[in-house]
Amino acid sequence: MAIAVWQKGRRLFSTAAVLMILAAVAHTAGSLASGPEDPVGRNLLESMRNYKVPLGMGMNPSVHDIYWDLVFTMSITFAAR
């Protein structure tokens, strides 16, 4: 007996779901593995770490922190779809 996920009529949906999970993993791995290799990129990254944004309610994250929050939010959104 075939697994219910791969039954006729569900194959396209199941394939799309698996591809979205793979895209989420690739997005996260690519973001974590990459880093600036040139001096300009390293300078930009350091500037992002040093620039703080007052958001209120005691929150004062750096732009670098906001960037990583968006990276992980996109990965979670890909996997949750």
Protein backbone atom coordinates (compact mmCIF):
# COMPACT_ATOMS: atom_id res chain seq x y z
CA MET A 1 0.00 0.00 0.00
CA ALA A 2 1.37 3.42 -0.97
CA ILE A 3 1.89 6.19 1.53
CA ALA A 4 -1.15 8.52 1.60
CA VAL A 5 0.99 11.56 0.85
CA TRP A 6 1.99 10.21 -2.59
CA GLN A 7 -1.46 9.03 -3.70
CA LYS A 8 -2.78 10.13 -7.05
CA GLY A 9 -4.19 13.64 -6.78
CA ARG A 10 -1.76 14.61 -4.01
CA ARG A 11 1.56 14.12 -5.78
CA LEU A 12 1.92 17.68 -7.06
CA PHE A 13 1.04 19.14 -3.66
CA SER A 14 3.42 16.76 -1.85
CA THR A 15 6.24 17.50 -4.29
CA ALA A 16 5.72 21.24 -3.82
CA ALA A 17 5.75 20.82 -0.03
CA VAL A 18 9.03 18.90 -0.11
CA LEU A 19 10.57 21.51 -2.42
CA MET A 20 9.50 24.33 -0.07
CA ILE A 21 11.15 22.57 2.88
CA LEU A 22 14.32 22.09 0.83
CA ALA A 23 14.21 25.79 -0.12
CA ALA A 24 13.92 26.73 3.57
CA VAL A 25 16.92 24.56 4.46
CA ALA A 26 18.94 25.96 1.54
CA HIS A 27 18.00 29.54 2.47
CA THR A 28 19.08 29.07 6.08
CA ALA A 29 22.29 27.20 5.19
CA GLY A 30 23.21 29.78 2.56
CA SER A 31 22.68 32.65 4.95
CA LEU A 32 24.69 31.01 7.73
CA ALA A 33 27.55 29.89 5.45
CA SER A 34 28.09 33.13 3.60
CA GLY A 35 30.17 35.96 4.93
CA PRO A 36 31.93 38.99 3.53
CA GLU A 37 35.28 38.22 1.96
CA ASP A 38 36.32 41.70 0.89
CA PRO A 39 37.18 44.66 3.15
CA VAL A 40 34.17 46.67 1.99
CA GLY A 41 31.79 43.86 2.98
CA ARG A 42 33.46 43.43 6.36
CA ASN A 43 33.22 47.19 6.94
CA LEU A 44 29.52 47.13 6.06
CA LEU A 45 28.90 44.20 8.43
CA GLU A 46 30.70 46.00 11.25
CA SER A 47 28.63 49.14 10.57
CA MET A 48 25.45 47.03 10.75
CA ARG A 49 26.55 45.63 14.11
CA ASN A 50 27.29 49.08 15.52
CA TYR A 51 24.15 50.91 14.33
CA LYS A 52 21.35 50.52 16.89
CA VAL A 53 17.70 51.20 16.16
CA PRO A 54 15.49 52.28 19.07
CA LEU A 55 12.20 50.41 18.58
CA GLY A 56 10.59 51.35 21.89
CA MET A 57 9.58 49.21 24.86
CA GLY A 58 13.24 48.76 25.79
CA MET A 59 14.20 47.19 22.45
CA ASN A 60 17.39 48.53 20.90
CA PRO A 61 18.61 45.95 18.34
CA SER A 62 21.37 46.53 15.83
CA VAL A 63 20.62 46.47 12.12
CA HIS A 64 22.61 43.22 12.01
CA ASP A 65 20.21 41.67 14.55
CA ILE A 66 17.22 42.81 12.50
CA TYR A 67 18.82 41.30 9.38
CA TRP A 68 19.20 37.90 11.08
CA ASP A 69 15.64 38.06 12.40
CA LEU A 70 14.42 38.55 8.84
CA VAL A 71 16.60 35.69 7.56
CA PHE A 72 15.13 33.24 10.06
CA THR A 73 11.61 34.61 9.59
CA MET A 74 11.87 33.88 5.85
CA SER A 75 13.14 30.36 6.54
CA ILE A 76 10.29 29.66 8.97
CA THR A 77 7.79 31.10 6.49
CA PHE A 78 9.13 28.84 3.74
CA ALA A 79 8.90 25.76 5.96
CA ALA A 80 5.46 26.65 7.34
CA ARG A 81 3.86 27.17 3.96
